[in-house]
């Protein structure tokens, strides 16, 4: 799964989200600077009973914004079905995506 969005009014931050469907690795690039949010070496990456998981991080130097990427997975065969992603910036829903 791969998608991009921008955050901020005065100070824009371009965010690229990457998730490898096979390994479960999740990476985010903020203005080109890459950061790993979920490592495939962690056991929770592969085994979880939660239907909804959230990844939180802050962007911006002068104008800071809290970003939450919420992933909802299906109950049956979650690794083989499309997952839904909701993007929240400062608590407000900005965009939604669906994919692997």
N, C-alpha and C. Protein backbone atom coordinates (compact mmCIF):
# COMPACT_ATOMS: atom_id res chain seq x y z
N UNK A 1 0.85 -1.16 0.00
CA UNK A 1 0.00 0.00 0.00
C UNK A 1 0.89 1.22 0.00
N UNK A 2 0.53 2.18 -0.80
CA UNK A 2 1.31 3.41 -0.90
C UNK A 2 0.35 4.56 -1.15
N UNK A 3 0.49 5.63 -0.37
CA UNK A 3 -0.28 6.83 -0.64
C UNK A 3 0.47 8.04 -0.09
N UNK A 4 0.07 9.23 -0.53
CA UNK A 4 0.72 10.47 -0.14
C UNK A 4 -0.33 11.51 0.22
N UNK A 5 0.06 12.42 1.11
CA UNK A 5 -0.81 13.54 1.46
C UNK A 5 0.04 14.66 2.04
N UNK A 6 -0.56 15.85 2.14
CA UNK A 6 0.14 17.01 2.68
C UNK A 6 -0.55 17.50 3.93
N UNK A 7 0.26 18.05 4.83
CA UNK A 7 -0.24 18.55 6.11
C UNK A 7 0.29 19.95 6.32
N UNK A 8 -0.56 20.84 6.83
CA UNK A 8 -0.12 22.19 7.19
C UNK A 8 -0.62 23.24 6.23
N UNK A 9 -0.70 24.47 6.74
CA UNK A 9 -1.12 25.61 5.93
C UNK A 9 0.06 26.50 5.59
N UNK A 10 0.72 27.03 6.61
CA UNK A 10 1.88 27.90 6.37
C UNK A 10 3.12 27.08 6.07
N UNK A 11 3.35 26.07 6.89
CA UNK A 11 4.49 25.17 6.71
C UNK A 11 3.98 23.82 6.22
N UNK A 12 4.13 23.54 4.93
CA UNK A 12 3.64 22.29 4.33
C UNK A 12 4.61 21.14 4.59
N UNK A 13 4.04 20.00 4.95
CA UNK A 13 4.82 18.77 5.10
C UNK A 13 4.22 17.73 4.16
N UNK A 14 5.05 17.20 3.28
CA UNK A 14 4.61 16.16 2.33
C UNK A 14 4.91 14.80 2.96
N UNK A 15 3.88 13.96 3.09
CA UNK A 15 4.02 12.66 3.74
C UNK A 15 3.73 11.55 2.75
N UNK A 16 4.67 10.60 2.63
CA UNK A 16 4.50 9.41 1.82
C UNK A 16 4.42 8.23 2.77
N UNK A 17 3.37 7.40 2.63
CA UNK A 17 3.15 6.23 3.47
C UNK A 17 3.40 4.98 2.64
N UNK A 18 4.17 4.04 3.17
CA UNK A 18 4.48 2.79 2.49
C UNK A 18 4.22 1.63 3.45
N UNK A 19 3.50 0.60 2.99
CA UNK A 19 3.32 -0.62 3.76
C UNK A 19 3.55 -1.81 2.84
N UNK A 20 4.48 -2.67 3.22
CA UNK A 20 4.76 -3.87 2.46
C UNK A 20 3.78 -4.95 2.91
N UNK A 21 2.92 -5.40 2.03
CA UNK A 21 1.88 -6.36 2.38
C UNK A 21 2.46 -7.71 2.80
N UNK A 22 3.63 -8.05 2.29
CA UNK A 22 4.22 -9.36 2.58
C UNK A 22 4.92 -9.39 3.94
N UNK A 23 5.75 -8.39 4.23
CA UNK A 23 6.52 -8.38 5.47
C UNK A 23 5.81 -7.63 6.60
N UNK A 24 4.93 -6.69 6.27
CA UNK A 24 4.25 -5.90 7.28
C UNK A 24 5.00 -4.64 7.66
N UNK A 25 6.15 -4.38 7.05
CA UNK A 25 6.93 -3.17 7.36
C UNK A 25 6.14 -1.93 6.95
N UNK A 26 6.11 -0.95 7.85
CA UNK A 26 5.44 0.32 7.58
C UNK A 26 6.49 1.42 7.71
N UNK A 27 6.60 2.23 6.65
CA UNK A 27 7.53 3.35 6.64
C UNK A 27 6.79 4.61 6.23
N UNK A 28 7.24 5.73 6.78
CA UNK A 28 6.68 7.03 6.44
C UNK A 28 7.84 7.94 6.07
N UNK A 29 7.70 8.65 4.97
CA UNK A 29 8.69 9.65 4.58
C UNK A 29 8.06 11.02 4.74
N UNK A 30 8.64 11.83 5.61
CA UNK A 30 8.16 13.20 5.83
C UNK A 30 9.17 14.12 5.17
N UNK A 31 8.72 14.78 4.10
CA UNK A 31 9.59 15.66 3.30
C UNK A 31 10.85 14.94 2.85
N UNK A 32 10.70 13.67 2.49
CA UNK A 32 11.82 12.88 1.98
C UNK A 32 12.63 12.16 3.03
N UNK A 33 12.40 12.43 4.31
CA UNK A 33 13.15 11.79 5.39
C UNK A 33 12.39 10.55 5.86
N UNK A 34 12.98 9.36 5.66
CA UNK A 34 12.32 8.09 5.92
C UNK A 34 12.41 7.70 7.40
N UNK A 35 11.30 7.13 7.89
CA UNK A 35 11.22 6.64 9.27
C UNK A 35 10.41 5.35 9.27
N UNK A 36 10.90 4.31 9.95
CA UNK A 36 10.18 3.04 10.06
C UNK A 36 9.28 3.08 11.28
N UNK A 37 7.97 2.86 11.07
CA UNK A 37 7.00 2.87 12.16
C UNK A 37 6.69 1.47 12.67
N UNK A 38 6.70 0.47 11.78
CA UNK A 38 6.45 -0.92 12.17
C UNK A 38 7.53 -1.78 11.53
N UNK A 39 8.27 -2.49 12.37
CA UNK A 39 9.37 -3.35 11.92
C UNK A 39 8.88 -4.79 11.80
N UNK A 40 9.17 -5.49 10.71
CA UNK A 40 8.73 -6.87 10.56
C UNK A 40 9.35 -7.83 11.57
N UNK A 41 10.39 -7.42 12.28
CA UNK A 41 11.02 -8.27 13.28
C UNK A 41 10.22 -8.30 14.59
N UNK A 42 9.28 -7.37 14.76
CA UNK A 42 8.44 -7.35 15.96
C UNK A 42 7.30 -8.36 15.80
N UNK A 43 7.02 -9.11 16.84
CA UNK A 43 6.01 -10.17 16.78
C UNK A 43 4.61 -9.60 16.54
N UNK A 44 4.32 -8.39 17.06
CA UNK A 44 2.99 -7.80 16.88
C UNK A 44 2.68 -7.44 15.43
N UNK A 45 3.72 -7.40 14.61
CA UNK A 45 3.52 -7.11 13.19
C UNK A 45 2.75 -8.24 12.51
N UNK A 46 2.96 -9.47 12.95
CA UNK A 46 2.39 -10.63 12.28
C UNK A 46 1.22 -11.27 13.03
N UNK A 47 1.15 -11.06 14.34
CA UNK A 47 0.09 -11.67 15.14
C UNK A 47 -0.58 -10.62 16.01
N UNK A 48 -1.81 -10.31 15.68
CA UNK A 48 -2.55 -9.33 16.45
C UNK A 48 -4.03 -9.67 16.39
N UNK A 49 -4.73 -9.49 17.51
CA UNK A 49 -6.17 -9.74 17.51
C UNK A 49 -6.96 -8.44 17.35
N UNK A 50 -6.25 -7.31 17.33
CA UNK A 50 -6.91 -6.02 17.17
C UNK A 50 -7.40 -5.84 15.73
N UNK A 51 -8.61 -5.33 15.60
CA UNK A 51 -9.12 -5.01 14.26
C UNK A 51 -8.65 -3.63 13.81
N UNK A 52 -8.38 -2.75 14.78
CA UNK A 52 -7.98 -1.38 14.46
C UNK A 52 -6.66 -1.06 15.16
N UNK A 53 -5.73 -0.52 14.39
CA UNK A 53 -4.45 -0.10 14.94
C UNK A 53 -4.16 1.32 14.47
N UNK A 54 -3.52 2.09 15.32
CA UNK A 54 -3.19 3.46 14.96
C UNK A 54 -1.71 3.73 15.06
N UNK A 55 -1.21 4.51 14.11
CA UNK A 55 0.19 4.94 14.09
C UNK A 55 0.19 6.46 14.22
N UNK A 56 0.79 6.97 15.30
CA UNK A 56 0.81 8.41 15.57
C UNK A 56 2.21 8.96 15.41
N UNK A 57 2.28 10.17 14.84
CA UNK A 57 3.54 10.88 14.77
C UNK A 57 3.25 12.36 14.57
N UNK A 58 4.25 13.19 14.84
CA UNK A 58 4.11 14.64 14.74
C UNK A 58 4.98 15.14 13.61
N UNK A 59 4.46 16.10 12.84
CA UNK A 59 5.21 16.70 11.74
C UNK A 59 5.25 18.21 11.91
N UNK A 60 6.24 18.82 11.31
CA UNK A 60 6.37 20.28 11.33
C UNK A 60 7.36 20.76 12.37
N UNK A 61 8.04 21.85 12.05
CA UNK A 61 8.99 22.45 12.99
C UNK A 61 8.33 23.61 13.74
N UNK A 62 7.84 24.59 12.99
CA UNK A 62 7.22 25.75 13.61
C UNK A 62 5.73 25.53 13.84
N UNK A 63 5.09 24.93 12.88
CA UNK A 63 3.65 24.65 12.94
C UNK A 63 3.49 23.13 13.08
N UNK A 64 3.38 22.63 14.31
CA UNK A 64 3.33 21.19 14.52
C UNK A 64 1.90 20.66 14.42
N UNK A 65 1.81 19.47 13.79
CA UNK A 65 0.52 18.79 13.62
C UNK A 65 0.68 17.34 14.04
N UNK A 66 -0.33 16.81 14.71
CA UNK A 66 -0.34 15.41 15.08
C UNK A 66 -1.07 14.63 14.00
N UNK A 67 -0.41 13.62 13.46
CA UNK A 67 -0.98 12.79 12.39
C UNK A 67 -1.26 11.40 12.96
N UNK A 68 -2.44 10.89 12.69
CA UNK A 68 -2.82 9.53 13.09
C UNK A 68 -3.24 8.78 11.83
N UNK A 69 -2.57 7.68 11.54
CA UNK A 69 -2.96 6.80 10.44
C UNK A 69 -3.57 5.57 11.08
N UNK A 70 -4.87 5.42 10.89
CA UNK A 70 -5.61 4.33 11.52
C UNK A 70 -5.88 3.25 10.49
N UNK A 71 -5.48 2.02 10.81
CA UNK A 71 -5.67 0.89 9.89
C UNK A 71 -6.74 -0.03 10.45
N UNK A 72 -7.75 -0.32 9.64
CA UNK A 72 -8.80 -1.27 10.03
C UNK A 72 -8.67 -2.49 9.13
N UNK A 73 -8.56 -3.65 9.78
CA UNK A 73 -8.40 -4.88 9.01
C UNK A 73 -9.66 -5.72 9.12
N UNK A 74 -9.95 -6.54 8.10
CA UNK A 74 -11.11 -7.42 8.17
C UNK A 74 -10.90 -8.50 9.22
N UNK A 75 -11.98 -9.06 9.71
CA UNK A 75 -11.93 -10.07 10.75
C UNK A 75 -11.46 -11.43 10.22
N UNK A 76 -11.94 -11.82 9.04
CA UNK A 76 -11.62 -13.13 8.47
C UNK A 76 -10.55 -12.98 7.40
N UNK A 77 -9.49 -13.78 7.50
CA UNK A 77 -8.34 -13.76 6.57
C UNK A 77 -7.82 -12.34 6.33
N UNK A 78 -7.42 -11.63 7.38
CA UNK A 78 -7.02 -10.23 7.23
C UNK A 78 -5.79 -10.03 6.34
N UNK A 79 -4.87 -10.99 6.32
CA UNK A 79 -3.68 -10.84 5.49
C UNK A 79 -3.93 -10.99 4.01
N UNK A 80 -5.08 -11.54 3.65
CA UNK A 80 -5.39 -11.80 2.24
C UNK A 80 -6.45 -10.83 1.69
N UNK A 81 -6.92 -9.92 2.52
CA UNK A 81 -7.98 -9.00 2.08
C UNK A 81 -7.53 -7.55 2.22
N UNK A 82 -8.24 -6.68 1.51
CA UNK A 82 -7.93 -5.26 1.52
C UNK A 82 -8.16 -4.67 2.91
N UNK A 83 -7.32 -3.70 3.28
CA UNK A 83 -7.43 -3.04 4.57
C UNK A 83 -7.76 -1.57 4.36
N UNK A 84 -8.44 -0.97 5.31
CA UNK A 84 -8.86 0.43 5.19
C UNK A 84 -7.97 1.30 6.05
N UNK A 85 -7.58 2.45 5.50
CA UNK A 85 -6.73 3.40 6.19
C UNK A 85 -7.47 4.73 6.28
N UNK A 86 -7.47 5.33 7.46
CA UNK A 86 -8.06 6.65 7.67
C UNK A 86 -6.96 7.57 8.18
N UNK A 87 -6.86 8.76 7.59
CA UNK A 87 -5.83 9.74 7.96
C UNK A 87 -6.50 10.85 8.77
N UNK A 88 -6.01 11.05 9.99
CA UNK A 88 -6.50 12.12 10.85
C UNK A 88 -5.36 13.09 11.11
N UNK A 89 -5.63 14.39 10.94
CA UNK A 89 -4.66 15.42 11.25
C UNK A 89 -5.28 16.31 12.32
N UNK A 90 -4.63 16.39 13.46
CA UNK A 90 -5.11 17.15 14.62
C UNK A 90 -6.54 16.74 14.99
N UNK A 91 -6.84 15.46 14.88
CA UNK A 91 -8.13 14.92 15.28
C UNK A 91 -9.23 14.97 14.24
N UNK A 92 -8.97 15.56 13.08
CA UNK A 92 -9.97 15.66 12.02
C UNK A 92 -9.65 14.69 10.89
N UNK A 93 -10.66 13.99 10.40
CA UNK A 93 -10.48 13.06 9.28
C UNK A 93 -10.16 13.85 8.02
N UNK A 94 -9.06 13.48 7.37
CA UNK A 94 -8.61 14.19 6.16
C UNK A 94 -8.87 13.35 4.91
N UNK A 95 -8.44 12.09 4.93
CA UNK A 95 -8.59 11.22 3.76
C UNK A 95 -8.75 9.77 4.20
N UNK A 96 -9.26 8.94 3.27
CA UNK A 96 -9.39 7.50 3.50
C UNK A 96 -8.87 6.76 2.27
N UNK A 97 -8.23 5.63 2.53
CA UNK A 97 -7.69 4.79 1.45
C UNK A 97 -8.04 3.34 1.75
N UNK A 98 -7.98 2.51 0.70
CA UNK A 98 -8.23 1.08 0.87
C UNK A 98 -7.27 0.32 -0.04
N UNK A 99 -6.66 -0.73 0.50
CA UNK A 99 -5.75 -1.53 -0.31
C UNK A 99 -4.94 -2.49 0.54
N UNK A 100 -3.94 -3.11 -0.07
CA UNK A 100 -3.08 -4.08 0.63
C UNK A 100 -1.90 -3.34 1.17
